[in-house]
Protein backbone atom coordinates (compact mmCIF):
# COMPACT_ATOMS: atom_id res chain seq x y z
CA MET A 1 2.44 23.39 4.03
CA ASN A 2 0.99 25.25 7.04
CA THR A 3 -0.63 22.31 9.04
CA ASP A 4 -1.62 21.99 12.56
CA PHE A 5 0.23 18.76 12.78
CA ASP A 6 2.87 16.72 10.83
CA ALA A 7 0.54 13.77 11.60
CA ILE A 8 -2.96 12.57 12.81
CA VAL A 9 -3.64 9.45 14.05
CA VAL A 10 -7.22 8.16 14.36
CA GLY A 11 -7.75 5.47 17.16
CA SER A 12 -5.38 4.71 20.29
CA GLY A 13 -5.63 0.93 20.16
CA ILE A 14 -3.44 -1.77 18.79
CA SER A 15 -2.81 -0.02 15.70
CA GLY A 16 -3.35 3.66 16.62
CA GLY A 17 -0.71 2.99 19.54
CA TRP A 18 1.70 2.00 17.19
CA ALA A 19 1.35 4.55 14.69
CA ALA A 20 1.56 7.33 17.57
CA LYS A 21 4.85 5.57 18.79
CA GLU A 22 6.57 5.49 15.17
CA LEU A 23 5.66 8.82 13.94
CA ALA A 24 6.53 10.72 17.30
CA GLU A 25 9.89 8.84 17.59
CA LYS A 26 10.59 9.84 14.07
CA GLY A 27 10.33 13.24 14.93
CA LEU A 28 6.72 14.18 13.58
CA LYS A 29 4.47 16.29 15.64
CA THR A 30 1.47 13.85 16.18
CA LEU A 31 -2.12 14.20 17.19
CA VAL A 32 -4.07 11.21 18.31
CA LEU A 33 -7.67 11.49 18.38
CA GLU A 34 -9.81 8.97 20.36
CA ARG A 35 -13.62 8.89 20.48
CA GLY A 36 -13.61 7.19 23.88
CA ARG A 37 -12.97 8.95 27.33
CA PRO A 38 -9.83 9.17 29.06
CA ILE A 39 -8.51 6.91 31.42
CA GLU A 40 -5.41 6.51 33.45
CA HIS A 41 -3.02 3.21 33.25
CA GLY A 42 -3.39 1.39 36.45
CA LYS A 43 -5.69 3.80 38.40
CA ASP A 44 -8.78 3.31 36.22
CA TYR A 45 -8.48 -0.48 36.29
CA LEU A 46 -11.35 -0.69 38.71
CA GLY A 47 -11.87 -4.41 38.63
CA GLU A 48 -8.23 -5.58 38.35
CA HIS A 49 -7.87 -7.31 41.80
CA MET A 50 -11.50 -7.58 42.89
CA ALA A 51 -12.20 -10.77 44.67
CA PRO A 52 -15.44 -12.74 43.54
CA TRP A 53 -17.09 -12.25 46.47
CA GLU A 54 -16.51 -8.23 46.04
CA ILE A 55 -18.08 -8.25 42.40
CA PRO A 56 -21.72 -6.93 42.47
CA TYR A 57 -24.34 -9.69 42.74
CA GLY A 58 -21.48 -12.26 42.41
CA GLY A 59 -20.73 -11.11 38.95
CA LEU A 60 -24.28 -12.09 37.83
CA PRO A 61 -25.52 -9.97 34.78
CA LEU A 62 -27.53 -6.81 35.65
CA ARG A 63 -30.17 -7.96 33.02
CA ASP A 64 -32.12 -4.51 32.73
CA LEU A 65 -29.12 -2.42 32.43
CA TYR A 66 -27.37 -4.91 30.27
CA ASP A 67 -30.18 -5.02 27.90
CA GLU A 68 -30.74 -1.40 27.63
CA ASP A 69 -27.20 -0.16 27.41
CA TYR A 70 -25.06 -3.09 26.55
CA SER A 71 -27.11 -5.32 24.30
CA ILE A 72 -24.28 -5.98 21.92
CA GLN A 73 -21.13 -5.73 24.19
CA GLN A 74 -22.54 -8.27 26.84
CA LYS A 75 -22.22 -10.98 24.27
CA CYS A 76 -18.41 -10.70 24.85
CA TYR A 77 -16.75 -13.05 27.23
CA ALA A 78 -14.78 -10.16 28.75
CA PHE A 79 -17.67 -8.11 29.65
CA GLY A 80 -18.91 -7.82 33.13
CA GLU A 81 -19.32 -5.57 36.15
CA THR A 82 -15.25 -5.74 36.55
CA THR A 83 -14.68 -4.15 32.96
CA ARG A 84 -17.74 -2.31 32.16
CA GLN A 85 -16.11 1.04 32.53
CA PHE A 86 -14.17 0.17 29.25
CA TRP A 87 -17.05 -0.82 26.98
CA ASN A 88 -19.19 1.02 24.25
CA ASN A 89 -22.85 1.76 25.55
CA ASP A 90 -24.76 0.46 22.61
CA ARG A 91 -27.80 2.80 23.62
CA GLU A 92 -25.83 5.96 23.39
CA ASN A 93 -23.85 4.75 20.40
CA PRO A 94 -25.86 2.44 18.33
CA TYR A 95 -25.36 0.90 14.82
CA VAL A 96 -28.18 -0.84 13.11
CA TYR A 97 -28.46 -4.37 14.17
CA ASP A 98 -30.22 -6.99 12.21
CA ALA A 99 -31.51 -10.00 14.73
CA GLU A 100 -32.37 -12.01 11.41
CA LYS A 101 -28.70 -11.54 10.06
CA PRO A 102 -26.71 -10.52 13.13
CA PHE A 103 -23.31 -9.28 13.25
CA ALA A 104 -21.81 -8.20 16.63
CA TRP A 105 -19.69 -5.13 16.84
CA ILE A 106 -17.67 -5.42 19.99
CA ARG A 107 -16.27 -1.91 20.74
CA ALA A 108 -14.22 -0.18 23.45
CA ASN A 109 -14.99 3.72 24.49
CA VAL A 110 -11.87 4.47 26.25
CA VAL A 111 -8.19 5.59 25.43
CA GLY A 112 -6.40 2.29 24.55
CA GLY A 113 -9.35 0.60 23.28
CA ARG A 114 -9.77 -2.91 22.77
CA SER A 115 -5.80 -3.41 23.71
CA LEU A 116 -6.78 -3.33 27.30
CA MET A 117 -9.17 -6.32 26.70
CA TRP A 118 -7.89 -8.50 23.99
CA ALA A 119 -6.95 -12.03 24.43
CA ARG A 120 -2.99 -11.45 23.60
CA GLN A 121 -2.53 -14.11 21.39
CA CYS A 122 0.29 -13.36 18.63
CA TYR A 123 0.95 -15.47 15.70
CA ARG A 124 2.87 -14.45 12.72
CA TRP A 125 1.21 -15.08 9.11
CA SER A 126 3.17 -17.25 6.49
CA ASP A 127 3.22 -17.28 2.86
CA LEU A 128 0.63 -20.08 3.05
CA ASP A 129 -1.89 -16.93 4.18
CA PHE A 130 -0.36 -14.35 1.90
CA GLU A 131 -0.26 -16.55 -1.13
CA ALA A 132 -3.79 -18.37 -0.46
CA ASN A 133 -6.10 -15.75 -2.65
CA GLN A 134 -3.69 -16.00 -5.62
CA LYS A 135 -3.73 -19.96 -5.39
CA ASP A 136 -7.41 -20.64 -4.93
CA GLY A 137 -8.83 -17.44 -6.55
CA TYR A 138 -10.99 -15.87 -3.62
CA GLY A 139 -10.03 -12.51 -3.21
CA VAL A 140 -7.41 -10.40 -4.73
CA ASP A 141 -3.69 -11.26 -4.45
CA TRP A 142 -1.87 -9.70 -1.52
CA PRO A 143 0.74 -7.12 -2.57
CA ILE A 144 2.95 -8.34 0.11
CA ARG A 145 4.53 -11.71 1.03
CA TYR A 146 6.12 -12.82 4.28
CA ASP A 147 9.64 -11.66 3.50
CA ASP A 148 8.33 -8.09 3.26
CA ILE A 149 6.87 -7.98 6.75
CA ALA A 150 9.06 -10.54 8.58
CA PRO A 151 11.52 -7.90 9.93
CA TRP A 152 8.39 -5.82 11.17
CA TYR A 153 7.28 -8.84 12.90
CA GLY A 154 10.41 -8.94 14.80
CA TYR A 155 10.63 -5.36 15.43
CA VAL A 156 7.26 -5.00 17.03
CA GLU A 157 7.91 -8.41 18.97
CA ARG A 158 10.94 -7.21 20.64
CA PHE A 159 9.11 -3.95 21.83
CA VAL A 160 5.85 -5.95 22.82
CA GLY A 161 7.56 -8.83 24.62
CA ILE A 162 5.85 -12.28 23.21
CA SER A 163 6.37 -15.21 25.17
CA GLY A 164 6.24 -18.39 23.25
CA GLU A 165 7.95 -21.68 21.95
CA LYS A 166 9.67 -22.05 18.85
CA LEU A 167 8.39 -24.86 16.53
CA GLY A 168 10.11 -24.74 13.30
CA LEU A 169 6.94 -24.63 11.28
CA SER A 170 6.85 -22.98 8.10
CA HIS A 171 3.37 -22.28 8.36
CA LEU A 172 3.52 -20.73 11.73
CA PRO A 173 6.89 -19.06 11.51
CA ASP A 174 8.92 -18.46 14.75
CA GLY A 175 9.30 -14.97 16.24
CA ASP A 176 11.92 -13.17 18.70
CA PHE A 177 10.05 -14.96 21.82
CA GLN A 178 10.67 -14.38 25.41
CA PRO A 179 10.74 -17.67 27.53
CA PRO A 180 7.39 -19.69 27.15
CA MET A 181 5.04 -20.16 29.80
CA ASP A 182 4.36 -23.83 30.76
CA LEU A 183 1.87 -26.17 29.83
CA ASN A 184 -0.04 -27.84 32.75
CA VAL A 185 0.60 -31.50 33.63
CA VAL A 186 -2.63 -32.70 31.77
CA GLU A 187 -1.87 -30.56 28.76
CA ARG A 188 1.50 -31.90 28.48
CA HIS A 189 0.12 -35.49 28.58
CA VAL A 190 -2.21 -34.46 25.91
CA ALA A 191 0.37 -32.90 23.76
CA ASP A 192 2.32 -36.08 23.81
CA LYS A 193 -0.71 -38.18 23.11
CA LEU A 194 -1.28 -35.99 20.06
CA GLN A 195 2.30 -36.10 18.71
CA GLU A 196 2.46 -39.81 19.19
CA ALA A 197 -0.91 -40.66 17.70
CA LEU A 198 -1.61 -38.27 14.98
CA ASP A 199 1.55 -36.41 14.67
CA ARG A 200 0.14 -33.11 15.49
CA VAL A 201 1.52 -30.22 17.58
CA MET A 202 0.27 -28.88 20.55
CA THR A 203 2.20 -25.79 22.29
CA ILE A 204 1.57 -23.12 24.51
CA GLY A 205 0.06 -20.04 23.38
CA ARG A 206 2.20 -17.16 21.95
CA VAL A 207 1.06 -14.46 23.94
CA ALA A 208 1.86 -10.54 24.50
CA VAL A 209 2.47 -11.40 28.18
CA LEU A 210 5.94 -10.88 29.64
CA THR A 211 7.89 -13.70 31.17
CA GLU A 212 10.80 -11.50 31.32
CA PRO A 213 10.98 -7.74 32.65
CA LYS A 214 11.09 -5.03 29.76
CA ASP A 215 11.02 -1.29 29.77
CA GLY A 216 9.63 -0.82 33.15
CA ARG A 217 7.00 -3.35 32.73
CA ALA A 218 6.89 -6.26 35.12
CA VAL A 219 6.89 -9.97 34.75
CA CYS A 220 3.29 -11.73 34.89
CA HIS A 221 2.50 -12.97 38.39
CA TYR A 222 -0.62 -14.79 37.25
CA CYS A 223 -3.29 -12.93 39.04
CA GLY A 224 -5.74 -12.54 36.08
CA PRO A 225 -8.12 -12.24 34.47
CA CYS A 226 -6.01 -10.07 32.37
CA HIS A 227 -9.05 -8.18 30.47
CA ARG A 228 -9.55 -6.36 33.78
CA GLY A 229 -6.57 -4.60 33.25
CA CYS A 230 -2.86 -5.05 34.05
CA SER A 231 -1.29 -2.23 36.17
CA VAL A 232 2.31 -3.57 36.20
CA GLY A 233 2.13 -3.66 32.42
CA ALA A 234 2.83 -7.40 32.18
CA TYR A 235 0.48 -7.88 29.39
CA PHE A 236 0.91 -5.45 26.33
CA SER A 237 -1.53 -2.61 25.75
CA SER A 238 -1.18 0.76 24.04
CA LEU A 239 -2.13 2.38 27.28
CA SER A 240 0.90 0.84 29.11
CA SER A 241 3.34 0.68 26.39
CA THR A 242 3.20 2.58 22.97
CA LEU A 243 1.29 5.52 24.18
CA PRO A 244 3.87 6.15 26.77
CA ALA A 245 6.54 5.81 24.38
CA ALA A 246 5.16 8.44 22.01
CA GLU A 247 4.76 10.79 24.89
CA ALA A 248 8.21 10.50 26.00
CA THR A 249 9.27 12.02 22.77
CA GLY A 250 7.67 15.38 23.35
CA ASN A 251 5.86 15.06 20.05
CA TYR A 252 2.51 13.34 21.03
CA THR A 253 -0.57 15.12 21.84
CA LEU A 254 -3.64 13.18 22.93
CA GLN A 255 -7.20 14.15 22.58
CA ALA A 256 -9.96 11.99 24.14
CA ASN A 257 -13.63 12.46 23.39
CA ALA A 258 -12.82 13.30 19.86
CA VAL A 259 -15.20 11.67 17.28
CA VAL A 260 -13.81 11.89 13.80
CA GLU A 261 -16.57 12.66 11.49
CA SER A 262 -14.97 12.50 8.16
CA LEU A 263 -11.90 13.47 6.07
CA GLU A 264 -11.65 16.68 4.24
CA TYR A 265 -10.03 15.95 0.54
CA ASP A 266 -8.24 18.64 -1.29
CA ALA A 267 -8.79 17.92 -4.82
CA ALA A 268 -6.33 20.36 -6.02
CA ASP A 269 -3.28 18.85 -4.13
CA GLY A 270 -4.85 15.39 -4.47
CA ARG A 271 -4.24 14.72 -0.62
CA VAL A 272 -6.02 14.49 2.64
CA ALA A 273 -6.17 17.97 4.02
CA GLY A 274 -7.45 17.14 7.34
CA VAL A 275 -9.97 15.59 9.76
CA ARG A 276 -13.43 16.68 11.04
CA VAL A 277 -13.91 16.04 14.66
CA VAL A 278 -16.96 16.20 17.07
CA ASP A 279 -16.33 16.82 20.81
CA ALA A 280 -18.32 13.66 22.25
CA GLU A 281 -19.10 15.76 25.40
CA THR A 282 -19.94 19.49 23.87
CA LYS A 283 -20.58 18.32 20.27
CA GLU A 284 -18.22 21.32 19.22
CA ARG A 285 -16.83 20.88 15.71
CA THR A 286 -13.40 21.32 14.99
CA PHE A 287 -11.00 20.70 11.78
CA TYR A 288 -7.25 19.76 12.21
CA THR A 289 -4.76 19.46 9.28
CA ALA A 290 -1.84 17.26 9.08
CA LYS A 291 0.85 16.40 6.34
CA LEU A 292 -0.15 12.73 7.17
CA VAL A 293 -3.24 10.83 8.30
CA PHE A 294 -3.47 7.31 9.83
CA LEU A 295 -6.59 5.69 10.46
CA CYS A 296 -6.56 3.10 13.01
CA ALA A 297 -9.98 3.27 14.40
CA SER A 298 -10.78 -0.54 13.73
CA ALA A 299 -12.08 -2.06 10.58
CA ILE A 300 -15.44 -0.93 11.05
CA GLY A 301 -14.46 2.57 12.29
CA SER A 302 -11.96 3.50 9.76
CA THR A 303 -14.27 2.57 7.02
CA GLN A 304 -17.14 4.41 8.40
CA ILE A 305 -14.96 7.60 8.41
CA LEU A 306 -14.06 6.82 4.64
CA MET A 307 -17.32 6.07 3.79
CA ASN A 308 -18.67 9.32 5.56
CA SER A 309 -16.12 11.33 3.57
CA LYS A 310 -18.16 11.68 0.24
CA THR A 311 -16.90 14.35 -2.25
CA ASP A 312 -18.03 15.10 -5.91
CA THR A 313 -15.14 12.97 -7.05
CA HIS A 314 -15.77 10.27 -4.32
CA PRO A 315 -19.74 10.10 -4.09
CA THR A 316 -19.79 6.70 -2.56
CA GLY A 317 -17.17 7.48 -0.02
CA PHE A 318 -13.51 8.51 -0.16
CA ALA A 319 -11.11 5.94 -1.87
CA ASN A 320 -13.77 3.79 -3.32
CA ALA A 321 -13.11 4.00 -7.05
CA SER A 322 -12.64 0.41 -6.83
CA ASP A 323 -16.19 -0.20 -5.24
CA SER A 324 -14.41 -2.54 -2.69
CA LEU A 325 -14.80 -0.10 0.04
CA GLY A 326 -17.09 -1.58 2.80
CA ARG A 327 -16.84 -5.06 1.00
CA TYR A 328 -15.15 -8.35 1.91
CA LEU A 329 -15.72 -8.20 5.71
CA MET A 330 -14.26 -11.10 7.39
CA ASP A 331 -14.29 -12.53 10.91
CA HIS A 332 -13.32 -15.96 12.00
CA THR A 333 -15.65 -18.72 12.83
CA TYR A 334 -15.74 -19.09 16.58
CA ALA A 335 -17.11 -20.96 19.53
CA VAL A 336 -17.15 -24.48 18.09
CA GLY A 337 -15.30 -27.43 19.42
CA ALA A 338 -15.20 -30.34 21.95
CA ARG A 339 -14.29 -31.03 25.37
CA GLY A 340 -13.93 -34.33 27.52
CA ILE A 341 -12.78 -35.47 30.85
CA ILE A 342 -9.09 -36.64 31.23
CA PRO A 343 -9.03 -39.15 34.18
CA GLY A 344 -5.91 -40.07 36.03
CA PHE A 345 -4.58 -36.83 37.37
CA GLU A 346 -6.50 -36.30 40.31
CA LYS A 347 -3.40 -35.82 42.55
CA TYR A 348 -2.51 -32.38 40.76
CA THR A 349 -4.01 -29.17 40.59
CA THR A 350 -3.13 -25.73 39.47
CA TYR A 351 -2.47 -22.35 41.23
CA GLY A 352 -3.05 -18.75 40.10
CA ASN A 353 -4.58 -17.64 36.82
CA ARG A 354 -2.31 -18.32 33.70
CA PRO A 355 -3.00 -15.63 31.22
CA ASN A 356 -2.90 -18.13 28.39
CA GLY A 357 -3.77 -21.52 26.81
CA PHE A 358 -2.56 -24.17 24.46
CA TYR A 359 -2.62 -23.64 20.57
CA ILE A 360 -2.84 -26.35 18.05
CA PRO A 361 -1.58 -24.93 14.49
CA ARG A 362 -3.41 -25.54 11.48
CA PHE A 363 -2.85 -29.14 10.08
CA ARG A 364 -5.42 -29.00 7.00
CA ASN A 365 -4.54 -28.14 3.52
CA LEU A 366 -1.10 -27.64 4.10
CA SER A 367 -0.21 -28.95 0.82
CA ASP A 368 -2.00 -28.90 -2.57
CA ASP A 369 -2.83 -32.89 -2.61
CA GLU A 370 -5.30 -32.92 0.24
CA ASP A 371 -8.64 -33.53 -0.84
CA LEU A 372 -10.93 -31.80 1.49
CA PRO A 373 -14.47 -30.18 1.17
CA PHE A 374 -13.19 -26.88 2.21
CA LEU A 375 -10.30 -24.49 1.34
CA ARG A 376 -7.90 -22.90 3.82
CA GLY A 377 -7.84 -24.24 7.47
CA TYR A 378 -8.11 -23.71 11.17
CA GLY A 379 -6.33 -23.69 14.46
CA TYR A 380 -7.51 -24.73 18.06
CA GLN A 381 -7.04 -22.80 21.33
CA GLY A 382 -7.86 -24.21 24.57
CA SER A 383 -6.74 -25.19 28.11
CA ALA A 384 -7.04 -27.86 30.71
CA SER A 385 -8.05 -27.48 34.27
CA ARG A 386 -9.65 -29.28 37.22
CA MET A 387 -13.47 -28.62 37.56
CA ASN A 388 -14.64 -26.74 40.58
CA TRP A 389 -17.64 -25.82 42.68
CA ARG A 390 -18.85 -23.36 39.76
CA THR A 391 -18.42 -26.00 36.81
CA LEU A 392 -19.23 -29.10 38.81
CA GLY A 393 -22.52 -27.51 39.97
CA ASN A 394 -23.72 -27.46 36.37
CA VAL A 395 -22.72 -31.00 35.21
CA SER A 396 -22.43 -33.50 38.44
CA PRO A 397 -25.58 -35.23 39.31
CA GLY A 398 -27.10 -35.76 42.56
CA TYR A 399 -28.66 -33.81 45.29
CA GLY A 400 -28.51 -33.33 48.94
CA ALA A 401 -25.86 -33.31 51.51
CA GLU A 402 -23.81 -35.79 49.58
CA TYR A 403 -23.90 -33.32 46.40
CA LYS A 404 -23.10 -30.32 48.46
CA GLU A 405 -20.03 -31.96 49.93
CA ALA A 406 -19.05 -33.35 46.49
CA ILE A 407 -18.93 -29.78 44.70
CA LEU A 408 -16.78 -28.50 47.60
CA ARG A 409 -13.87 -30.63 46.49
CA PRO A 410 -11.99 -30.35 43.05
CA GLY A 411 -13.71 -32.45 40.46
CA PRO A 412 -11.89 -34.19 37.66
CA TRP A 413 -9.59 -32.66 34.98
CA SER A 414 -11.56 -31.01 31.83
CA ILE A 415 -9.94 -29.96 28.55
CA SER A 416 -11.37 -28.26 25.67
CA PHE A 417 -10.56 -27.68 21.98
CA SER A 418 -11.96 -24.64 20.50
CA GLY A 419 -11.66 -23.91 16.74
CA PHE A 420 -10.90 -20.67 14.86
CA GLY A 421 -11.37 -21.19 11.21
CA GLU A 422 -10.54 -18.83 8.26
CA CYS A 423 -13.31 -17.03 6.39
CA LEU A 424 -13.04 -16.63 2.71
CA PRO A 425 -13.17 -12.92 1.37
CA ASN A 426 -16.63 -12.53 -0.35
CA ALA A 427 -17.79 -9.12 -2.07
CA ASP A 428 -21.19 -9.88 -0.53
CA ASN A 429 -20.10 -9.58 3.07
CA ARG A 430 -20.01 -5.68 3.77
CA MET A 431 -20.80 -2.86 6.08
CA LEU A 432 -22.67 0.21 4.57
CA LEU A 433 -24.02 3.46 6.23
CA ASP A 434 -27.49 3.90 6.74
CA ASP A 435 -28.41 7.48 5.91
CA ASN A 436 -31.80 7.41 7.46
CA LYS A 437 -30.39 6.61 10.89
CA ILE A 438 -28.24 9.24 12.41
CA ASP A 439 -26.21 8.84 15.60
CA ARG A 440 -25.94 11.56 18.39
CA PHE A 441 -23.04 13.14 16.60
CA GLY A 442 -24.85 13.46 13.07
CA ILE A 443 -23.13 10.84 11.47
CA PRO A 444 -24.81 8.09 9.60
CA GLN A 445 -25.01 4.64 11.53
CA VAL A 446 -23.29 1.51 10.20
CA LYS A 447 -25.09 -1.53 9.16
CA PHE A 448 -23.91 -5.09 8.17
CA ASP A 449 -24.91 -7.37 5.66
CA PHE A 450 -22.63 -10.62 6.50
CA ALA A 451 -23.22 -14.27 6.63
CA PHE A 452 -20.80 -17.08 7.01
CA GLY A 453 -20.86 -19.12 3.78
CA PRO A 454 -20.62 -23.08 2.83
CA ASN A 455 -16.76 -23.11 3.30
CA GLU A 456 -16.99 -21.75 6.78
CA ALA A 457 -19.81 -24.29 7.46
CA ALA A 458 -17.37 -27.13 6.08
CA ILE A 459 -14.55 -25.82 8.24
CA ARG A 460 -16.83 -25.76 11.32
CA ALA A 461 -17.98 -29.36 10.62
CA ASP A 462 -14.32 -30.47 10.40
CA ILE A 463 -13.39 -28.69 13.40
CA LEU A 464 -16.02 -30.47 15.57
CA GLU A 465 -14.75 -33.99 14.11
CA GLN A 466 -11.09 -33.23 14.59
CA ALA A 467 -11.79 -32.24 18.05
CA LYS A 468 -13.42 -35.30 19.02
CA ILE A 469 -10.61 -37.48 17.24
CA MET A 470 -7.98 -35.70 19.15
CA LEU A 471 -9.92 -36.10 22.50
CA ARG A 472 -10.24 -39.82 21.92
CA ALA A 473 -6.53 -40.04 20.91
CA ALA A 474 -5.77 -38.32 24.38
CA GLY A 475 -7.71 -40.83 26.35
CA ALA A 476 -10.58 -38.51 27.27
CA VAL A 477 -13.94 -39.73 28.53
CA GLU A 478 -17.36 -38.16 28.64
CA ILE A 479 -16.69 -36.18 25.26
CA SER A 480 -19.21 -33.62 24.36
CA GLU A 481 -19.16 -31.17 21.40
CA TYR A 482 -20.35 -27.66 21.10
CA ASP A 483 -21.33 -25.18 18.67
CA GLY A 484 -22.61 -21.90 19.72
CA ASN A 485 -23.39 -20.90 15.88
CA ALA A 486 -21.56 -17.33 16.86
CA PRO A 487 -22.36 -14.73 14.38
CA GLY A 488 -19.83 -12.83 12.65
CA GLY A 489 -17.96 -10.24 14.96
CA LEU A 490 -17.93 -12.33 18.05
CA ALA A 491 -14.45 -13.40 17.41
CA ILE A 492 -13.75 -10.06 17.54
CA HIS A 493 -11.17 -10.43 14.76
CA GLU A 494 -13.04 -8.30 12.05
CA MET A 495 -10.99 -7.49 8.94
CA GLY A 496 -11.44 -6.47 5.45
CA THR A 497 -13.45 -3.45 4.22
CA ALA A 498 -10.68 -1.26 2.99
CA ARG A 499 -8.29 -4.10 1.67
CA MET A 500 -4.55 -3.85 0.20
CA GLY A 501 -4.03 -4.79 -3.29
CA ARG A 502 -1.99 -4.55 -6.41
CA ASP A 503 -4.73 -2.87 -8.54
CA PRO A 504 -6.43 0.40 -7.61
CA HIS A 505 -9.27 -0.79 -9.68
CA THR A 506 -9.90 -3.71 -7.10
CA SER A 507 -8.39 -2.50 -3.79
CA VAL A 508 -8.46 0.57 -1.62
CA LEU A 509 -4.87 0.59 -0.35
CA ASN A 510 -1.36 -0.44 -1.74
CA GLY A 511 1.25 -2.77 -0.30
CA PHE A 512 2.38 0.05 2.00
CA ASN A 513 -1.20 0.57 3.51
CA GLN A 514 -1.15 3.75 1.34
CA ALA A 515 -4.79 4.90 -0.03
CA HIS A 516 -4.66 4.75 -3.84
CA ALA A 517 -6.66 8.11 -3.68
CA ALA A 518 -4.30 10.19 -1.58
CA ASN A 519 -0.81 9.30 -0.96
CA ASN A 520 -0.85 11.06 2.46
CA LEU A 521 -3.55 8.64 3.80
CA PHE A 522 -2.70 5.39 5.35
CA VAL A 523 -5.08 2.56 6.97
CA THR A 524 -3.27 0.27 9.08
CA ASP A 525 -5.89 -1.39 11.08
CA GLY A 526 -7.94 -4.53 10.43
CA ALA A 527 -9.55 -2.68 7.35
CA CYS A 528 -6.61 -3.28 5.49
CA MET A 529 -6.77 -7.26 5.36
CA THR A 530 -7.04 -8.83 2.03
CA SER A 531 -7.75 -12.21 3.55
CA SER A 532 -8.18 -13.50 7.19
CA SER A 533 -5.77 -16.34 7.66
CA CYS A 534 -6.90 -18.45 10.74
CA VAL A 535 -4.78 -16.83 13.37
CA ASN A 536 -5.39 -14.08 15.48
CA PRO A 537 -4.39 -10.78 13.57
CA SER A 538 -3.39 -8.12 16.10
CA ILE A 539 0.43 -8.82 15.56
CA THR A 540 -0.03 -8.33 11.94
CA TYR A 541 -1.70 -5.03 12.42
CA MET A 542 1.38 -3.77 14.61
CA ALA A 543 3.72 -4.89 12.08
CA LEU A 544 2.05 -3.38 9.00
CA THR A 545 1.74 -0.18 10.98
CA ALA A 546 5.31 0.22 11.78
CA ARG A 547 6.24 -0.80 8.26
CA ALA A 548 3.75 1.65 6.87
CA VAL A 549 4.86 4.77 9.17
CA ASP A 550 8.65 3.99 8.01
CA TYR A 551 7.61 4.11 4.33
CA ALA A 552 5.30 7.18 4.78
CA VAL A 553 8.12 9.28 7.00
CA THR A 554 10.70 8.27 4.14
CA GLN A 555 8.37 9.32 1.64
CA LEU A 556 7.68 12.67 3.33
CA ARG A 557 11.08 13.40 3.84
CA ASP A 558 11.98 12.82 0.11
CA GLY A 559 9.12 15.18 -0.91
CA GLN A 560 7.13 12.21 -2.56
CA ILE A 561 4.32 12.89 -0.18
């Protein structure tokens, strides 16, 4: 074949970075197409070490600007004046947002994507997750099991650098960890109480932040907040890790401001011939060819490309013979839990900004004999800290000089349990393209039809109740619950829309993330997910990507692709 490149990777984030690294290291001439603008590691982390008094307007939102240009992105906790340069401009790059049935599409607009702003929590899936669809009948059966992906979890963990504690839990498998960070004094107290009273585990988060130096990346020095960027590379991002590894091979070409419009399918060969690209600055259109194509543009971005790649033989979008493309959209339930005050630790305080919190692994529906009003389960993330003038000013009663003096001193210790619940795969939860609304590149805009169902509602109710039970067991006082009723998308764990499966009549991809419709096309980001588990998914995307590249290159060299 006469092609421009051996491989094309669409997207430069978590999955795209890994695809680029693995393909280039295996000797393939690789082009990475990123729709966002180019930035340089370290140099362009403008808010990294900005002191609170240096942030414009004290970090308060610039309401008119945010409402006009960042109406969706401002809903993310990591958005603000220290990070705005990383985010998508919603006015320039809109999608169809339905306020009556909202779905928040959180997007970056730079090389490295959301790997620059992610929360870095990394948890392996287990067969409790991979077998769930088969056992309870929701969704199709995963075409893989834990043993298929376990070696690849280890492979990516050793490169990324995951710090964490080994627990020996079958439903949350241990990994190849660097030494764990420490729980603080109150978290250790609460962990002991939960173990003693409820036989529940609280551990430090398993996080993609170095506690030992690695490959030129420095150990975390707790400066934070990490979503502003990490110039020493202590936290993992594609900009500091996988993309430089790809570049070091001499086989890597990056093109930023490259908006992939669609794929071109060669019906005679039964292959994807290449990708159509629009320059984000000049609007010039280009076509690139390759032997392999990896879509890693995010769950929504990759499926938008597939849906816009209509042909006579694929009238509803490429690889959509199963009518599952765009369907089975999932996200974790989010912003629900409880908090309280832990008295008796006023002589202790914390220093620095630990880029991590605690994790309470799933403890519901671990066996078949539990009689609960919901399927699947959830886990908790959270932290304990001393209240300060920012938080005390919102909750402490008082006025006058005595009040002003009180909020200048550290307050009591508070702790929060925030639950992330699994979302069942549902064919009616979907993304579509609106042919009547075209973006500035001439591409139909994405729209969503998504709602959490009764199972997710029951999970949220149990998250609230169990959080209060655990707080009482820990000796907390002034317990209060919260439920932000967050819409889909805000957990930023969107999954599905081009799922893996065993049968081409019910899925888009096979067990190696390879499209049923074209054996040289692979989708390895969140779009491929067949269910959602209840843990953060990024480490699974990385492992699936490395595994898919290994398979694709072997098939290519054996003449099977």
